[in-house]
C-alpha atoms as a PDB file:
ATOM      1  CA  MET A   1     -50.876 -30.834   0.316  1.00  0.00           C
ATOM      2  CA  SER A   2     -52.449 -30.721  -3.233  1.00  0.00           C
ATOM      3  CA  HIS A   3     -51.335 -32.715  -5.922  1.00  0.00           C
ATOM      4  CA  SER A   4     -51.859 -32.762 -10.148  1.00  0.00           C
ATOM      5  CA  THR A   5     -50.580 -35.879 -12.184  1.00  0.00           C
ATOM      6  CA  THR A   6     -48.612 -35.090 -15.459  1.00  0.00           C
ATOM      7  CA  GLY A   7     -49.463 -38.753 -16.625  1.00  0.00           C
ATOM      8  CA  ARG A   8     -45.880 -40.118 -15.809  1.00  0.00           C
ATOM      9  CA  GLY A   9     -43.343 -39.628 -13.094  1.00  0.00           C
ATOM     10  CA  ARG A  10     -44.090 -38.205  -9.570  1.00  0.00           C
ATOM     11  CA  PRO A  11     -47.183 -36.152  -9.065  1.00  0.00           C
ATOM     12  CA  ARG A  12     -46.822 -32.246  -9.277  1.00  0.00           C
ATOM     13  CA  LEU A  13     -46.985 -30.575  -6.358  1.00  0.00           C
ATOM     14  CA  GLU A  14     -49.168 -27.467  -6.634  1.00  0.00           C
ATOM     15  CA  SER A  15     -46.536 -25.470  -4.333  1.00  0.00           C
ATOM     16  CA  THR A  16     -43.502 -26.103  -6.908  1.00  0.00           C
ATOM     17  CA  ASP A  17     -45.912 -24.810  -9.349  1.00  0.00           C
ATOM     18  CA  GLN A  18     -46.540 -21.700  -7.601  1.00  0.00           C
ATOM     19  CA  ARG A  19     -42.613 -21.149  -6.364  1.00  0.00           C
ATOM     20  CA  ILE A  20     -42.012 -21.481 -10.008  1.00  0.00           C
ATOM     21  CA  ILE A  21     -44.797 -19.030 -11.006  1.00  0.00           C
ATOM     22  CA  GLN A  22     -44.054 -16.755  -8.092  1.00  0.00           C
ATOM     23  CA  ALA A  23     -40.394 -16.274  -9.099  1.00  0.00           C
ATOM     24  CA  ALA A  24     -40.910 -15.690 -12.422  1.00  0.00           C
ATOM     25  CA  LEU A  25     -43.583 -12.861 -11.659  1.00  0.00           C
ATOM     26  CA  GLU A  26     -41.124 -11.459  -9.144  1.00  0.00           C
ATOM     27  CA  LEU A  27     -38.534 -10.921 -12.146  1.00  0.00           C
ATOM     28  CA  LEU A  28     -40.867  -9.405 -14.377  1.00  0.00           C
ATOM     29  CA  ARG A  29     -41.977  -7.150 -11.825  1.00  0.00           C
ATOM     30  CA  SER A  30     -38.338  -5.992 -10.826  1.00  0.00           C
ATOM     31  CA  LYS A  31     -36.421  -6.445 -14.243  1.00  0.00           C
ATOM     32  CA  GLY A  32     -38.931  -6.895 -16.949  1.00  0.00           C
ATOM     33  CA  PRO A  33     -39.573  -9.834 -19.269  1.00  0.00           C
ATOM     34  CA  ALA A  34     -35.900 -10.110 -20.249  1.00  0.00           C
ATOM     35  CA  ALA A  35     -34.820 -11.353 -16.855  1.00  0.00           C
ATOM     36  CA  VAL A  36     -37.455 -14.015 -17.024  1.00  0.00           C
ATOM     37  CA  ASN A  37     -35.683 -17.172 -18.191  1.00  0.00           C
ATOM     38  CA  ILE A  38     -35.305 -20.835 -16.708  1.00  0.00           C
ATOM     39  CA  ASP A  39     -32.035 -20.167 -15.183  1.00  0.00           C
ATOM     40  CA  SER A  40     -33.280 -17.164 -13.341  1.00  0.00           C
ATOM     41  CA  VAL A  41     -36.498 -18.740 -12.310  1.00  0.00           C
ATOM     42  CA  ALA A  42     -34.515 -21.696 -11.284  1.00  0.00           C
ATOM     43  CA  ALA A  43     -32.228 -19.721  -9.296  1.00  0.00           C
ATOM     44  CA  ARG A  44     -35.051 -17.368  -7.393  1.00  0.00           C
ATOM     45  CA  SER A  45     -37.589 -19.907  -6.829  1.00  0.00           C
ATOM     46  CA  GLY A  46     -34.826 -22.681  -5.647  1.00  0.00           C
ATOM     47  CA  VAL A  47     -36.423 -25.228  -7.918  1.00  0.00           C
ATOM     48  CA  ALA A  48     -34.387 -27.268 -10.041  1.00  0.00           C
ATOM     49  CA  ARG A  49     -34.079 -26.373 -13.764  1.00  0.00           C
ATOM     50  CA  THR A  50     -34.974 -30.280 -14.885  1.00  0.00           C
ATOM     51  CA  THR A  51     -38.033 -29.811 -12.706  1.00  0.00           C
ATOM     52  CA  ILE A  52     -38.890 -26.596 -14.336  1.00  0.00           C
ATOM     53  CA  TYR A  53     -38.517 -27.844 -17.606  1.00  0.00           C
ATOM     54  CA  ARG A  54     -40.734 -30.995 -16.798  1.00  0.00           C
ATOM     55  CA  ARG A  55     -43.647 -28.253 -16.505  1.00  0.00           C
ATOM     56  CA  TYR A  56     -42.432 -25.791 -19.120  1.00  0.00           C
ATOM     57  CA  ARG A  57     -40.603 -26.906 -22.093  1.00  0.00           C
ATOM     58  CA  SER A  58     -39.699 -23.217 -23.085  1.00  0.00           C
ATOM     59  CA  ARG A  59     -39.554 -19.938 -21.517  1.00  0.00           C
ATOM     60  CA  ASP A  60     -42.330 -19.551 -24.357  1.00  0.00           C
ATOM     61  CA  GLU A  61     -44.621 -21.873 -22.363  1.00  0.00           C
ATOM     62  CA  LEU A  62     -43.291 -20.380 -18.884  1.00  0.00           C
ATOM     63  CA  MET A  63     -44.261 -16.732 -19.977  1.00  0.00           C
ATOM     64  CA  HIS A  64     -47.390 -17.783 -21.054  1.00  0.00           C
ATOM     65  CA  ALA A  65     -48.175 -19.248 -17.599  1.00  0.00           C
ATOM     66  CA  VAL A  66     -46.886 -15.943 -16.086  1.00  0.00           C
ATOM     67  CA  LEU A  67     -49.179 -13.946 -18.549  1.00  0.00           C
ATOM     68  CA  GLU A  68     -52.047 -15.773 -17.131  1.00  0.00           C
ATOM     69  CA  GLN A  69     -51.539 -14.611 -13.598  1.00  0.00           C
ATOM     70  CA  LEU A  70     -51.245 -11.227 -14.622  1.00  0.00           C
ATOM     71  CA  ILE A  71     -54.295  -9.413 -15.545  1.00  0.00           C
ATOM     72  CA  ASP A  72     -57.219 -11.057 -13.830  1.00  0.00           C
ATOM     73  CA  PRO A  73     -60.986 -10.727 -15.255  1.00  0.00           C
ATOM     74  CA  ALA A  74     -62.337  -9.413 -11.793  1.00  0.00           C
ATOM     75  CA  PRO A  75     -65.896  -8.674 -12.810  1.00  0.00           C
ATOM     76  CA  LEU A  76     -67.826  -5.465 -12.545  1.00  0.00           C
ATOM     77  CA  ALA A  77     -71.335  -5.274 -11.396  1.00  0.00           C
ATOM     78  CA  PRO A  78     -73.262  -3.100 -14.085  1.00  0.00           C
ATOM     79  CA  ASP A  79     -75.101  -1.271 -11.380  1.00  0.00           C
ATOM     80  CA  LEU A  80     -72.448   0.204  -9.693  1.00  0.00           C
ATOM     81  CA  PRO A  81     -72.658   4.476 -10.019  1.00  0.00           C
ATOM     82  CA  VAL A  82     -70.276   6.034 -12.663  1.00  0.00           C
ATOM     83  CA  ARG A  83     -68.071   7.366  -9.940  1.00  0.00           C
ATOM     84  CA  GLU A  84     -67.692   3.960  -8.110  1.00  0.00           C
ATOM     85  CA  LYS A  85     -66.773   2.481 -11.569  1.00  0.00           C
ATOM     86  CA  LEU A  86     -64.389   5.015 -12.511  1.00  0.00           C
ATOM     87  CA  ARG A  87     -62.812   3.975  -8.976  1.00  0.00           C
ATOM     88  CA  TRP A  88     -62.831   0.306  -9.798  1.00  0.00           C
ATOM     89  CA  VAL A  89     -61.037   1.207 -13.052  1.00  0.00           C
ATOM     90  CA  LEU A  90     -58.493   3.260 -11.356  1.00  0.00           C
ATOM     91  CA  ASP A  91     -58.016   0.465  -8.658  1.00  0.00           C
ATOM     92  CA  ARG A  92     -57.528  -2.246 -11.523  1.00  0.00           C
ATOM     93  CA  ILE A  93     -55.240   0.156 -13.422  1.00  0.00           C
ATOM     94  CA  SER A  94     -53.132   0.504 -10.003  1.00  0.00           C
ATOM     95  CA  ASP A  95     -52.917  -3.208  -9.430  1.00  0.00           C
ATOM     96  CA  ILE A  96     -51.926  -4.022 -13.004  1.00  0.00           C
ATOM     97  CA  LEU A  97     -49.019  -1.565 -13.376  1.00  0.00           C
ATOM     98  CA  GLN A  98     -47.854  -1.477  -9.701  1.00  0.00           C
ATOM     99  CA  ASN A  99     -48.556  -5.096  -8.284  1.00  0.00           C
ATOM    100  CA  ARG A 100     -49.002  -7.174 -11.166  1.00  0.00           C
ATOM    101  CA  LEU A 101     -46.378  -5.566 -13.970  1.00  0.00           C
ATOM    102  CA  GLY A 102     -44.703  -3.946 -11.651  1.00  0.00           C
ATOM    103  CA  PRO A 103     -41.980  -1.513 -12.675  1.00  0.00           C
ATOM    104  CA  GLY A 104     -40.223  -3.997 -14.743  1.00  0.00           C
ATOM    105  CA  GLY A 105     -43.262  -5.072 -16.839  1.00  0.00           C
ATOM    106  CA  THR A 106     -44.564  -1.732 -17.223  1.00  0.00           C
ATOM    107  CA  ALA A 107     -41.559  -0.184 -18.534  1.00  0.00           C
ATOM    108  CA  ALA A 108     -41.229  -3.353 -21.021  1.00  0.00           C
ATOM    109  CA  VAL A 109     -44.636  -2.318 -22.162  1.00  0.00           C
ATOM    110  CA  ILE A 110     -44.097   1.448 -22.515  1.00  0.00           C
ATOM    111  CA  ALA A 111     -40.622   0.563 -24.300  1.00  0.00           C
ATOM    112  CA  ASN A 112     -42.079  -2.284 -26.492  1.00  0.00           C
ATOM    113  CA  SER A 113     -38.388  -3.812 -25.644  1.00  0.00           C
ATOM    114  CA  ASP A 114     -40.510  -7.304 -25.832  1.00  0.00           C
ATOM    115  CA  PRO A 115     -42.792  -7.139 -28.736  1.00  0.00           C
ATOM    116  CA  VAL A 116     -44.095 -10.352 -28.152  1.00  0.00           C
ATOM    117  CA  PHE A 117     -44.801  -9.730 -24.231  1.00  0.00           C
ATOM    118  CA  THR A 118     -46.366  -6.464 -24.986  1.00  0.00           C
ATOM    119  CA  SER A 119     -48.709  -7.829 -27.860  1.00  0.00           C
ATOM    120  CA  ALA A 120     -49.743 -10.265 -24.817  1.00  0.00           C
ATOM    121  CA  VAL A 121     -50.324  -7.557 -22.439  1.00  0.00           C
ATOM    122  CA  ARG A 122     -52.137  -5.359 -24.681  1.00  0.00           C
ATOM    123  CA  ALA A 123     -54.409  -8.315 -25.864  1.00  0.00           C
ATOM    124  CA  ARG A 124     -55.444  -9.248 -22.268  1.00  0.00           C
ATOM    125  CA  LEU A 125     -55.660  -5.712 -21.095  1.00  0.00           C
ATOM    126  CA  ALA A 126     -58.121  -4.810 -24.175  1.00  0.00           C
ATOM    127  CA  THR A 127     -59.976  -8.094 -23.330  1.00  0.00           C
ATOM    128  CA  ARG A 128     -60.782  -7.097 -19.851  1.00  0.00           C
ATOM    129  CA  LEU A 129     -61.520  -3.373 -20.517  1.00  0.00           C
ATOM    130  CA  SER A 130     -63.666  -4.237 -23.348  1.00  0.00           C
ATOM    131  CA  THR A 131     -66.068  -4.964 -20.832  1.00  0.00           C
ATOM    132  CA  LEU A 132     -65.769  -1.749 -18.934  1.00  0.00           C
ATOM    133  CA  ALA A 133     -66.084  -0.012 -22.204  1.00  0.00           C
ATOM    134  CA  GLU A 134     -69.750  -2.009 -22.830  1.00  0.00           C
ATOM    135  CA  LEU A 135     -70.727  -0.798 -19.459  1.00  0.00           C
ATOM    136  CA  MET A 136     -69.687   2.776 -20.237  1.00  0.00           C
ATOM    137  CA  ASN A 137     -71.691   2.290 -23.538  1.00  0.00           C
ATOM    138  CA  ALA A 138     -74.385   1.008 -21.874  1.00  0.00           C
ATOM    139  CA  ASP A 139     -74.603   4.067 -19.158  1.00  0.00           C
ATOM    140  CA  ARG A 140     -74.429   6.362 -22.006  1.00  0.00           C
ATOM    141  CA  GLU A 141     -77.674   5.002 -23.483  1.00  0.00           C
ATOM    142  CA  THR A 142     -79.295   5.339 -20.397  1.00  0.00           C
ATOM    143  CA  GLY A 143     -78.112   8.873 -19.269  1.00  0.00           C
ATOM    144  CA  ARG A 144     -75.606   8.243 -16.867  1.00  0.00           C
ATOM    145  CA  LEU A 145     -73.047   9.501 -19.106  1.00  0.00           C
ATOM    146  CA  HIS A 146     -72.576  12.590 -21.637  1.00  0.00           C
ATOM    147  CA  ALA A 147     -73.953  11.043 -24.861  1.00  0.00           C
ATOM    148  CA  ASN A 148     -70.682  12.075 -26.273  1.00  0.00           C
ATOM    149  CA  ILE A 149     -68.654  10.199 -24.007  1.00  0.00           C
ATOM    150  CA  ASP A 150     -65.877   7.740 -25.904  1.00  0.00           C
ATOM    151  CA  PRO A 151     -65.070   5.116 -23.462  1.00  0.00           C
ATOM    152  CA  ASP A 152     -61.711   4.512 -24.876  1.00  0.00           C
ATOM    153  CA  VAL A 153     -60.706   7.859 -24.374  1.00  0.00           C
ATOM    154  CA  VAL A 154     -62.064   7.954 -20.454  1.00  0.00           C
ATOM    155  CA  LEU A 155     -59.995   4.815 -19.984  1.00  0.00           C
ATOM    156  CA  GLY A 156     -56.637   6.336 -21.919  1.00  0.00           C
ATOM    157  CA  LEU A 157     -57.323   9.564 -19.598  1.00  0.00           C
ATOM    158  CA  LEU A 158     -57.315   7.134 -16.404  1.00  0.00           C
ATOM    159  CA  VAL A 159     -54.342   5.097 -17.323  1.00  0.00           C
ATOM    160  CA  GLY A 160     -52.455   8.291 -18.386  1.00  0.00           C
ATOM    161  CA  ALA A 161     -53.276  10.019 -15.486  1.00  0.00           C
ATOM    162  CA  HIS A 162     -52.298   7.156 -13.133  1.00  0.00           C
ATOM    163  CA  LEU A 163     -48.888   6.670 -14.931  1.00  0.00           C
ATOM    164  CA  ALA A 164     -48.067  10.373 -14.617  1.00  0.00           C
ATOM    165  CA  GLU A 165     -48.675   9.975 -10.648  1.00  0.00           C
ATOM    166  CA  VAL A 166     -46.707   7.320 -10.422  1.00  0.00           C
ATOM    167  CA  LEU A 167     -43.886   8.827 -12.583  1.00  0.00           C
ATOM    168  CA  ARG A 168     -43.714  11.902 -10.636  1.00  0.00           C
ATOM    169  CA  PHE A 169     -43.887  10.448  -7.094  1.00  0.00           C
ATOM    170  CA  GLY A 170     -43.477   6.768  -7.500  1.00  0.00           C
ATOM    171  CA  SER A 171     -46.717   5.726  -6.536  1.00  0.00           C
ATOM    172  CA  PRO A 172     -50.061   7.369  -6.463  1.00  0.00           C
ATOM    173  CA  ARG A 173     -50.179   9.826  -3.280  1.00  0.00           C
ATOM    174  CA  ASP A 174     -52.862   9.614  -0.471  1.00  0.00           C
ATOM    175  CA  GLY A 175     -55.909  10.663  -1.398  1.00  0.00           C
ATOM    176  CA  TRP A 176     -54.932  11.075  -5.314  1.00  0.00           C
ATOM    177  CA  THR A 177     -57.801   8.590  -6.391  1.00  0.00           C
ATOM    178  CA  ASP A 178     -60.579  10.539  -4.801  1.00  0.00           C
ATOM    179  CA  ARG A 179     -59.223  14.113  -6.167  1.00  0.00           C
ATOM    180  CA  ALA A 180     -58.969  12.357  -9.799  1.00  0.00           C
ATOM    181  CA  LEU A 181     -62.390  11.399  -9.415  1.00  0.00           C
ATOM    182  CA  GLU A 182     -63.830  14.561  -8.318  1.00  0.00           C
ATOM    183  CA  LEU A 183     -62.318  15.813 -11.275  1.00  0.00           C
ATOM    184  CA  LEU A 184     -63.429  13.536 -13.804  1.00  0.00           C
ATOM    185  CA  THR A 185     -67.062  12.515 -12.847  1.00  0.00           C
ATOM    186  CA  PRO A 186     -68.422  15.853 -13.617  1.00  0.00           C
ATOM    187  CA  ALA A 187     -66.925  15.996 -16.776  1.00  0.00           C
ATOM    188  CA  VAL A 188     -68.605  12.606 -17.663  1.00  0.00           C
ATOM    189  CA  THR A 189     -71.795  12.861 -16.045  1.00  0.00           C
ATOM    190  CA  PRO A 190     -74.927  15.097 -17.169  1.00  0.00           C
ATOM    191  CA  HIS A 191     -75.304  17.739 -14.630  1.00  0.00           C
END
């Protein structure tokens, strides 16, 4: 079992930290950021409020820790074919919206019901997706993408298409990603 120290008192148990963050993420995913507070996290995790407060002095500190877990900076190999880059983006979008943010977090961002949360999520998304936009720009310069392709438009189309699929069917249907890529890839690549 791993321990870390805080400078005073007993060492921290990583499993306790994980239980706290996991409970906060579950609340966020199912009910949105408004449901994440010290009392609800304590009830969900089984960790005492005092223990949570020793780790996070406020809800804001707890939410900051939760946000760090939401959007991973998964690297993308720049030499992937265009179709596989687009698949990678759709897979990340699906993971972020369905698994990381969940319906509660996604709805909060769309409705902007918690502007601080929405801004933090958008900033993290922008940072993560800027790498992909740079790679798409490089593909445009080498002729792998049409010269007039705007990476932000392509990314917006992918996010919008995924959200529409979730709104209509609850989750992407079997084979949806392949069908979406069959439609989009020829539209963005030279023939």
